[in-house]
Protein backbone atom coordinates (compact mmCIF):
# COMPACT_ATOMS: atom_id res chain seq x y z
CA MET A 1 -43.35 29.56 50.82
CA ASN A 2 -45.32 32.57 49.65
CA PRO A 3 -47.78 33.80 52.31
CA ILE A 4 -50.66 33.58 49.81
CA ALA A 5 -49.85 29.92 49.17
CA GLN A 6 -49.69 29.33 52.93
CA SER A 7 -53.12 30.91 53.35
CA LEU A 8 -54.63 28.75 50.59
CA ASN A 9 -53.07 25.64 52.15
CA GLN A 10 -54.62 26.49 55.52
CA ILE A 11 -58.06 26.76 53.94
CA ILE A 12 -57.62 23.41 52.16
CA GLU A 13 -56.20 21.75 55.29
CA LYS A 14 -59.19 22.85 57.35
CA GLY A 15 -61.73 21.66 54.78
CA ASN A 16 -60.07 18.33 53.97
CA PRO A 17 -56.56 17.53 55.29
CA TYR A 18 -56.19 14.62 52.85
CA LEU A 19 -56.16 17.09 49.96
CA MET A 20 -52.96 18.58 51.37
CA GLU A 21 -51.42 15.10 51.35
CA MET A 22 -52.41 14.71 47.70
CA LEU A 23 -51.02 18.02 46.44
CA SER A 24 -47.61 17.88 44.78
CA ASP A 25 -44.78 20.01 46.10
CA VAL A 26 -45.49 22.38 43.22
CA GLY A 27 -49.20 22.34 44.07
CA LYS A 28 -48.54 23.22 47.69
CA ASN A 29 -46.46 26.20 46.62
CA LEU A 30 -48.84 27.44 43.93
CA PHE A 31 -50.95 30.54 44.45
CA PHE A 32 -52.62 33.20 42.36
CA PRO A 33 -50.57 36.40 42.69
CA LYS A 34 -52.07 39.62 43.98
CA GLY A 35 -49.56 41.82 42.17
CA ILE A 36 -50.15 43.41 38.78
CA LEU A 37 -53.39 41.55 38.07
CA SER A 38 -55.15 42.47 41.30
CA GLN A 39 -53.91 46.06 41.13
CA SER A 40 -55.15 46.32 37.55
CA ALA A 41 -58.54 44.94 38.58
CA GLU A 42 -58.77 47.49 41.39
CA ALA A 43 -57.77 50.29 39.01
CA LYS A 44 -60.37 49.16 36.47
CA GLU A 45 -63.02 49.66 39.12
CA LYS A 46 -61.81 52.91 40.67
CA ALA A 47 -59.44 54.74 38.26
CA HIS A 48 -62.10 56.95 36.68
CA LYS A 49 -59.62 59.58 35.45
CA LEU A 50 -56.57 57.73 34.05
CA ASN A 51 -55.66 54.03 34.18
CA ALA A 52 -52.03 53.20 33.43
CA THR A 53 -51.93 49.69 34.86
CA ILE A 54 -52.81 47.04 32.30
CA GLY A 55 -50.34 45.78 29.72
CA ILE A 56 -52.39 46.33 26.59
CA ALA A 57 -52.39 49.27 24.18
CA THR A 58 -55.42 51.52 23.83
CA GLU A 59 -56.38 54.31 21.47
CA LYS A 60 -59.08 56.91 22.10
CA GLY A 61 -60.36 54.89 25.04
CA ARG A 62 -60.66 51.61 23.10
CA THR A 63 -58.51 48.56 22.51
CA MET A 64 -55.87 49.31 19.87
CA ILE A 65 -56.35 47.10 16.79
CA PHE A 66 -55.23 46.29 13.28
CA PRO A 67 -58.25 46.56 10.95
CA SER A 68 -56.78 43.64 9.01
CA VAL A 69 -57.19 41.51 12.14
CA MET A 70 -60.69 42.68 13.03
CA ASP A 71 -61.85 42.13 9.45
CA SER A 72 -61.46 38.40 10.14
CA ILE A 73 -63.48 38.51 13.37
CA CYS A 74 -67.15 38.97 12.67
CA GLY A 75 -69.41 40.29 15.41
CA ILE A 76 -66.94 40.09 18.32
CA ARG A 77 -65.67 43.32 19.82
CA PRO A 78 -61.91 43.83 20.33
CA ALA A 79 -62.44 43.92 24.11
CA ALA A 80 -63.89 40.39 23.93
CA SER A 81 -61.33 38.99 21.51
CA LEU A 82 -57.94 40.72 21.55
CA THR A 83 -57.46 41.57 25.22
CA TYR A 84 -56.15 39.25 27.93
CA ALA A 85 -58.65 36.88 29.50
CA PRO A 86 -58.47 36.10 33.24
CA SER A 87 -56.18 33.18 34.08
CA PHE A 88 -59.25 31.50 35.57
CA GLY A 89 -61.14 31.95 32.27
CA ILE A 90 -64.01 34.22 31.26
CA PRO A 91 -66.49 34.19 34.19
CA ALA A 92 -69.57 33.76 31.98
CA LEU A 93 -67.97 30.80 30.19
CA ARG A 94 -67.01 29.13 33.46
CA LYS A 95 -70.59 29.53 34.72
CA ILE A 96 -72.29 28.22 31.59
CA TRP A 97 -69.93 25.23 31.46
CA LEU A 98 -70.67 24.44 35.11
CA ASP A 99 -74.41 24.63 34.40
CA SER A 100 -73.93 22.28 31.45
CA LEU A 101 -72.17 19.72 33.67
CA PHE A 102 -75.28 19.43 35.84
CA ILE A 103 -77.50 19.07 32.77
CA LYS A 104 -75.29 16.40 31.17
CA ASN A 105 -74.72 14.54 34.46
CA PRO A 106 -77.99 14.24 36.39
CA SER A 107 -76.21 12.37 39.21
CA LEU A 108 -74.51 15.67 40.12
CA SER A 109 -77.82 17.07 41.30
CA GLY A 110 -77.50 18.42 44.83
CA LYS A 111 -73.73 17.96 44.92
CA SER A 112 -71.06 20.61 45.29
CA VAL A 113 -68.17 20.96 42.82
CA SER A 114 -65.77 23.72 41.92
CA LEU A 115 -66.28 26.33 39.24
CA PRO A 116 -64.42 25.06 36.15
CA VAL A 117 -61.07 26.71 35.43
CA VAL A 118 -60.39 27.29 31.73
CA THR A 119 -57.31 25.69 30.15
CA CYS A 120 -55.78 25.85 26.69
CA GLY A 121 -57.38 22.59 25.58
CA ILE A 122 -57.67 19.29 27.44
CA THR A 123 -54.00 18.41 26.86
CA HIS A 124 -53.13 21.53 28.85
CA ALA A 125 -55.68 20.49 31.49
CA ILE A 126 -53.89 17.14 31.88
CA SER A 127 -50.58 18.99 32.19
CA MET A 128 -52.02 21.29 34.86
CA PHE A 129 -53.36 18.28 36.77
CA ALA A 130 -49.87 16.80 36.67
CA ASP A 131 -48.24 20.00 37.91
CA VAL A 132 -50.64 20.52 40.78
CA TRP A 133 -51.05 16.93 41.96
CA LEU A 134 -48.09 14.77 40.85
CA ASP A 135 -44.56 14.57 42.21
CA PRO A 136 -41.79 12.55 40.54
CA ASN A 137 -42.26 8.80 41.15
CA ASP A 138 -45.95 9.16 42.00
CA VAL A 139 -47.93 6.40 40.32
CA VAL A 140 -50.70 6.86 37.75
CA VAL A 141 -52.79 3.81 36.83
CA LEU A 142 -53.83 3.60 33.16
CA PRO A 143 -55.04 0.86 30.79
CA ASP A 144 -52.66 -0.67 28.28
CA MET A 145 -54.82 0.86 25.53
CA MET A 146 -54.14 4.55 26.13
CA TRP A 147 -53.52 7.84 24.34
CA GLY A 148 -49.77 8.02 23.74
CA ASN A 149 -49.41 11.63 24.89
CA TYR A 150 -50.16 10.61 28.49
CA ASN A 151 -46.64 9.22 28.64
CA MET A 152 -45.12 12.51 27.49
CA ILE A 153 -47.15 14.61 29.94
CA LEU A 154 -47.11 12.39 33.01
CA ASN A 155 -43.89 10.40 32.76
CA VAL A 156 -41.45 12.40 30.65
CA ARG A 157 -42.39 15.89 31.88
CA ARG A 158 -43.44 15.17 35.49
CA GLY A 159 -41.54 11.96 36.25
CA ALA A 160 -44.63 10.01 37.32
CA VAL A 161 -44.63 6.22 37.04
CA ILE A 162 -47.35 4.74 34.81
CA ARG A 163 -48.75 1.35 35.79
CA HIS A 164 -50.82 -0.49 33.20
CA TYR A 165 -53.61 -3.04 33.38
CA PRO A 166 -55.16 -4.93 30.44
CA MET A 167 -58.17 -2.86 29.37
CA PHE A 168 -60.36 -5.72 28.15
CA SER A 169 -61.26 -9.03 29.74
CA GLU A 170 -61.62 -12.25 27.80
CA ASN A 171 -65.39 -11.81 27.61
CA GLY A 172 -64.92 -8.46 25.85
CA GLY A 173 -65.89 -6.05 28.62
CA PHE A 174 -63.84 -3.69 30.76
CA ASN A 175 -61.31 -5.70 32.75
CA LEU A 176 -62.53 -4.92 36.24
CA GLU A 177 -60.52 -7.75 37.79
CA ALA A 178 -57.21 -6.49 36.36
CA PHE A 179 -58.17 -2.88 37.16
CA GLU A 180 -58.82 -3.71 40.81
CA LYS A 181 -55.75 -5.93 41.14
CA THR A 182 -53.42 -3.23 39.77
CA ILE A 183 -54.87 -0.52 42.00
CA ARG A 184 -54.75 -2.66 45.12
CA THR A 185 -51.17 -3.67 44.38
CA GLU A 186 -50.11 -0.04 44.05
CA ALA A 187 -52.15 1.09 47.06
CA LYS A 188 -50.21 -1.33 49.28
CA LYS A 189 -46.94 0.35 48.29
CA ARG A 190 -47.78 4.02 48.72
CA ASP A 191 -49.97 6.58 50.45
CA LYS A 192 -51.35 8.13 47.24
CA ILE A 193 -52.35 6.79 43.85
CA SER A 194 -53.82 8.49 40.80
CA VAL A 195 -56.18 6.70 38.42
CA LEU A 196 -56.83 8.19 35.00
CA LEU A 197 -60.08 7.12 33.35
CA ASN A 198 -60.63 8.06 29.71
CA PHE A 199 -64.14 7.32 28.40
CA PRO A 200 -64.88 7.27 25.53
CA ASN A 201 -61.42 5.79 25.29
CA ASN A 202 -58.79 6.84 22.82
CA PRO A 203 -57.79 4.65 20.96
CA THR A 204 -60.47 1.97 21.38
CA GLY A 205 -63.70 3.99 21.38
CA TYR A 206 -64.94 2.04 24.42
CA THR A 207 -67.00 3.42 27.29
CA VAL A 208 -67.87 1.30 30.31
CA THR A 209 -71.40 0.07 30.86
CA VAL A 210 -73.53 1.36 33.73
CA GLU A 211 -72.69 -1.76 35.75
CA GLU A 212 -68.97 -1.50 35.04
CA GLY A 213 -69.03 2.17 36.03
CA GLU A 214 -70.71 1.37 39.33
CA ARG A 215 -68.06 -1.24 40.08
CA ILE A 216 -65.23 1.21 39.30
CA VAL A 217 -66.74 3.66 41.79
CA GLU A 218 -67.01 0.90 44.41
CA ILE A 219 -63.38 -0.15 43.92
CA LEU A 220 -61.95 3.36 44.19
CA THR A 221 -64.12 4.14 47.21
CA SER A 222 -62.99 0.98 48.97
CA ILE A 223 -59.32 1.82 48.35
CA ALA A 224 -59.89 5.25 49.88
CA ASP A 225 -61.76 3.70 52.80
CA GLU A 226 -58.78 1.44 53.47
CA GLY A 227 -56.51 4.46 53.95
CA THR A 228 -54.97 5.33 50.59
CA ASN A 229 -55.49 8.77 49.08
CA VAL A 230 -57.03 8.37 45.63
CA ILE A 231 -57.02 10.97 42.86
CA ALA A 232 -59.52 9.89 40.21
CA VAL A 233 -58.97 11.86 37.01
CA MET A 234 -61.62 11.74 34.29
CA ASP A 235 -60.35 12.63 30.81
CA ASP A 236 -63.78 13.28 29.26
CA ALA A 237 -62.47 14.64 25.95
CA TYR A 238 -65.07 12.75 23.90
CA PHE A 239 -67.90 13.13 26.38
CA GLY A 240 -71.42 12.78 25.01
CA LEU A 241 -70.56 10.60 22.00
CA PHE A 242 -72.22 7.47 23.41
CA TYR A 243 -73.90 5.27 20.82
CA GLU A 244 -75.38 2.26 22.67
CA ASP A 245 -78.13 1.98 25.27
CA GLN A 246 -76.15 0.05 27.90
CA THR A 247 -73.25 2.50 27.79
CA LEU A 248 -72.74 4.79 30.78
CA LYS A 249 -73.81 8.23 29.59
CA GLU A 250 -72.55 10.25 32.54
CA SER A 251 -69.03 11.03 33.61
CA LEU A 252 -67.75 8.89 36.48
CA PHE A 253 -66.93 12.25 38.06
CA ALA A 254 -70.59 12.62 39.00
CA ASN A 255 -70.55 9.51 41.21
CA LEU A 256 -67.02 9.91 42.57
CA CYS A 257 -67.04 13.56 43.65
CA ASP A 258 -68.73 12.99 47.03
CA ARG A 259 -67.84 9.43 47.93
CA HIS A 260 -65.02 9.69 50.47
CA PRO A 261 -62.77 12.31 52.12
CA ARG A 262 -59.69 10.52 50.75
CA LEU A 263 -61.06 10.50 47.19
CA LEU A 264 -60.55 13.55 44.98
CA ALA A 265 -62.37 13.58 41.64
CA ILE A 266 -61.01 15.76 38.84
CA LYS A 267 -62.91 16.28 35.60
CA LEU A 268 -60.95 17.29 32.51
CA ASP A 269 -63.14 18.17 29.54
CA GLY A 270 -63.69 20.85 26.97
CA ALA A 271 -65.31 22.24 23.89
CA THR A 272 -62.71 20.50 21.69
CA LYS A 273 -64.90 17.56 20.69
CA GLU A 274 -68.15 18.48 22.41
CA SER A 275 -68.47 21.57 20.20
CA PHE A 276 -66.30 20.34 17.30
CA VAL A 277 -63.78 23.18 17.73
CA TRP A 278 -60.51 21.28 17.95
CA GLY A 279 -58.22 24.21 17.14
CA LEU A 280 -59.83 26.70 19.52
CA ARG A 281 -58.16 24.92 22.48
CA VAL A 282 -60.75 25.56 25.19
CA GLY A 283 -60.68 23.03 28.03
CA PHE A 284 -61.73 22.95 31.69
CA ILE A 285 -60.62 21.55 35.06
CA THR A 286 -63.32 20.90 37.67
CA TYR A 287 -62.81 19.51 41.19
CA GLY A 288 -65.15 17.46 43.34
CA CYS A 289 -64.44 16.16 46.85
CA VAL A 290 -65.79 15.77 50.37
CA ILE A 291 -65.25 18.98 52.34
CA ASP A 292 -65.95 19.66 55.99
CA GLY A 293 -67.37 23.15 56.40
CA ASP A 294 -66.53 25.90 53.92
CA GLU A 295 -66.93 24.14 50.57
CA LYS A 296 -66.80 27.37 48.60
CA GLY A 297 -63.59 28.45 50.33
CA VAL A 298 -61.80 25.16 49.64
CA TYR A 299 -62.88 25.07 46.01
CA ASP A 300 -61.84 28.70 45.61
CA ALA A 301 -58.39 27.78 46.98
CA LEU A 302 -58.05 24.88 44.52
CA GLU A 303 -59.17 27.12 41.67
CA ARG A 304 -56.61 29.76 42.68
CA LYS A 305 -53.79 27.23 42.78
CA THR A 306 -54.80 25.92 39.37
CA ALA A 307 -55.12 29.42 37.93
CA GLY A 308 -51.73 30.22 39.45
CA GLY A 309 -50.28 27.28 37.54
CA ILE A 310 -51.87 28.56 34.35
CA ARG A 311 -50.64 32.09 35.05
CA GLY A 312 -47.10 30.77 35.50
CA ALA A 313 -47.21 28.71 32.31
CA ILE A 314 -49.23 30.45 29.58
CA SER A 315 -50.78 33.44 31.40
CA ASN A 316 -54.27 32.67 30.08
CA ALA A 317 -56.16 30.84 27.36
CA SER A 318 -57.22 32.77 24.25
CA HIS A 319 -59.91 35.38 24.95
CA LEU A 320 -61.19 35.14 21.38
CA CYS A 321 -61.55 31.36 21.50
CA GLN A 322 -63.34 31.47 24.84
CA THR A 323 -65.74 34.11 23.53
CA ILE A 324 -66.54 32.03 20.44
CA VAL A 325 -67.34 28.99 22.59
CA LEU A 326 -69.43 31.09 24.97
CA LYS A 327 -71.45 32.64 22.14
CA SER A 328 -72.04 29.21 20.61
CA MET A 329 -73.29 27.77 23.93
CA GLN A 330 -75.61 30.74 24.37
CA ASP A 331 -77.09 30.28 20.89
CA ASP A 332 -80.63 28.90 20.68
CA ASN A 333 -79.49 26.36 18.06
CA TYR A 334 -76.59 24.98 20.09
CA MET A 335 -78.27 21.77 21.29
CA ALA A 336 -79.78 21.05 17.88
CA GLU A 337 -76.37 21.47 16.27
CA LYS A 338 -74.84 19.02 18.72
CA GLU A 339 -77.57 16.47 18.12
CA GLU A 340 -77.16 16.72 14.35
CA LYS A 341 -73.43 15.97 14.47
CA PHE A 342 -73.94 13.24 17.08
CA GLU A 343 -76.29 11.38 14.76
CA ILE A 344 -73.78 11.52 11.92
CA LEU A 345 -71.04 10.00 14.07
CA LYS A 346 -73.39 7.43 15.59
CA ASN A 347 -74.44 6.26 12.11
CA ARG A 348 -70.79 5.88 11.14
CA ALA A 349 -70.13 3.74 14.21
CA ILE A 350 -73.14 1.57 13.42
CA ARG A 351 -71.95 1.17 9.84
CA VAL A 352 -68.49 0.08 11.03
CA LYS A 353 -70.09 -2.62 13.17
CA GLU A 354 -72.23 -3.77 10.26
CA VAL A 355 -69.27 -4.03 7.91
CA LEU A 356 -67.04 -5.81 10.41
CA SER A 357 -69.71 -8.41 11.17
CA ASP A 358 -68.83 -10.00 7.81
CA SER A 359 -67.07 -13.34 8.34
CA ARG A 360 -64.59 -12.48 5.56
CA PHE A 361 -62.55 -10.56 8.10
CA THR A 362 -62.46 -13.23 10.82
CA ASP A 363 -59.14 -14.78 9.85
CA ALA A 364 -57.43 -11.41 9.44
CA TRP A 365 -58.27 -9.66 12.73
CA ASP A 366 -60.32 -9.41 15.89
CA VAL A 367 -62.33 -6.29 16.69
CA TYR A 368 -61.90 -4.62 20.07
CA PRO A 369 -65.16 -3.58 21.75
CA PHE A 370 -66.28 -0.04 20.86
CA ASN A 371 -69.47 1.86 21.52
CA SER A 372 -68.59 5.56 21.56
CA GLY A 373 -66.22 8.35 20.58
CA TYR A 374 -64.20 8.75 17.39
CA PHE A 375 -62.20 5.53 17.12
CA MET A 376 -62.17 1.76 17.01
CA CYS A 377 -59.30 -0.74 16.96
CA ILE A 378 -58.61 -4.07 15.33
CA ARG A 379 -56.07 -6.66 16.49
CA LEU A 380 -54.24 -8.28 13.61
CA LYS A 381 -53.74 -12.03 13.71
CA SER A 382 -50.99 -12.67 11.18
CA VAL A 383 -49.13 -9.49 10.16
CA ASN A 384 -47.27 -6.67 11.87
CA ALA A 385 -49.32 -3.51 12.41
CA GLU A 386 -46.62 -1.03 11.44
CA ALA A 387 -45.69 -3.03 8.34
CA LEU A 388 -49.34 -3.10 7.31
CA ARG A 389 -49.79 0.62 8.02
CA VAL A 390 -46.86 1.52 5.76
CA HIS A 391 -48.01 -0.91 3.05
CA LEU A 392 -51.55 0.51 3.04
CA LEU A 393 -50.22 4.03 2.86
CA GLU A 394 -47.73 3.42 0.06
CA LYS A 395 -49.72 1.02 -2.13
CA TYR A 396 -53.32 2.10 -1.56
CA GLY A 397 -53.10 5.64 -0.22
CA VAL A 398 -54.94 4.66 2.98
CA GLY A 399 -53.85 6.07 6.33
CA LEU A 400 -54.34 4.36 9.70
CA ILE A 401 -52.52 4.46 13.05
CA SER A 402 -50.48 1.46 14.23
CA ILE A 403 -50.28 0.81 17.97
CA GLY A 404 -47.73 -1.74 19.09
CA GLU A 405 -47.12 -4.86 17.05
CA LYS A 406 -50.69 -5.96 16.39
CA ASP A 407 -53.17 -3.11 16.77
CA LEU A 408 -54.51 -0.65 14.19
CA ARG A 409 -56.65 2.37 15.10
CA VAL A 410 -59.36 3.52 12.73
CA ALA A 411 -60.81 7.03 13.13
CA PHE A 412 -64.31 6.57 11.73
CA SER A 413 -64.98 10.16 12.80
CA CYS A 414 -63.29 11.35 9.60
CA LEU A 415 -64.77 8.71 7.26
CA GLU A 416 -67.91 9.27 5.23
CA GLU A 417 -70.38 6.48 5.88
CA ASN A 418 -70.19 5.30 2.26
CA ASP A 419 -66.39 4.97 2.47
CA ILE A 420 -66.37 2.58 5.43
CA PRO A 421 -66.83 -0.71 3.46
CA GLU A 422 -64.08 0.23 1.03
CA LEU A 423 -61.66 1.05 3.85
CA PHE A 424 -61.93 -2.37 5.49
CA ASN A 425 -61.83 -4.15 2.14
CA ILE A 426 -58.54 -2.41 1.41
CA VAL A 427 -57.17 -3.29 4.87
CA LEU A 428 -58.05 -6.93 4.22
CA ARG A 429 -56.36 -6.75 0.84
CA GLY A 430 -53.27 -5.33 2.52
CA VAL A 431 -53.18 -8.20 5.02
CA GLU A 432 -53.41 -10.70 2.17
CA ASP A 433 -50.62 -8.89 0.30
CA LEU A 434 -48.25 -9.17 3.27
CA LYS A 435 -49.16 -12.80 3.95
CA GLY A 436 -48.67 -13.65 0.28
């Protein structure tokens, strides 16, 4: 094992020995190298005459550019757009994102968490979580209604075992009983379990209520208290898009990050949906846990292992994209812009509920609970979902996503409010076509 990795492990072991038990074999061996990068950083500070360390091209003391490239980048200097960013992410962006977490999650007040590490989107953040914390055959608990790419990242690429529980109970809320039963069953079999919580959920558009969130925290804390190491991973990709009063409007990360020494909370989020910049691929990983003594040192070690994983995979996320997100968050109009787009999406969600309250649809499908995010789902009663999807596409030019045999996902995020009634009328027509 590299001596740097050994040193980081010693820091983590001293602050919380259970974290060492949770780390994957890859995670234990990860470190952030002191080679070229650290030497270049030292040279940047001290090489006042000539600096021949960094692997970029310069010209007359400035970053070498194509004018045809810079013509497409308005107001951002080459040094803030074309050069390499740190594997940890731009420091100013990491700081402003951390500050925003405390604003958006008041329950974090007074608590200690890591500085977010920048990833190339939230999908990459999930992959980095898997590399650092999952070994083959480790279990990850997920609802049956889940984003399909989890399987590719966690099971296919890392060899983890996914255990499902039914997401909804018969009364239409989050299935706390099934959630607890599945976790307790898995906790009896192994020393470590991971639980991935995705709210607002893709594909259903459901976020737990305040009461359901409190119960989830209680369940995970009790499992940790009984001797199982618990990694609670929050995929907060759609964070902030909460449309109903009773919905929990904070990340569960805020109430899990300081609950128990055996409980590690990991927050995966990003500008993707929060700033409506899907293609910029700017995500974050933030850690929260109980640490004895040097909190800053332990978090720094976790950040270095994570950045080492990023360095060994993609080197760093785009400097240009990070700078664009940073400039947007620093803009005086940023919060007003977010509120404007939030209201548009909220009104679309309300309109979907209004349309689907019509009894004409009752015989064709049931509506899964939804209160947030981009999506909602219907469960078909009499026709196959994939057959209906293809029929709607070919006959009516309407595109939806089929999930399993009976479920259809509707992304109201990309529907104009006035188009929502027509969409569901066409879906009903398609059901009647197939039945006929």
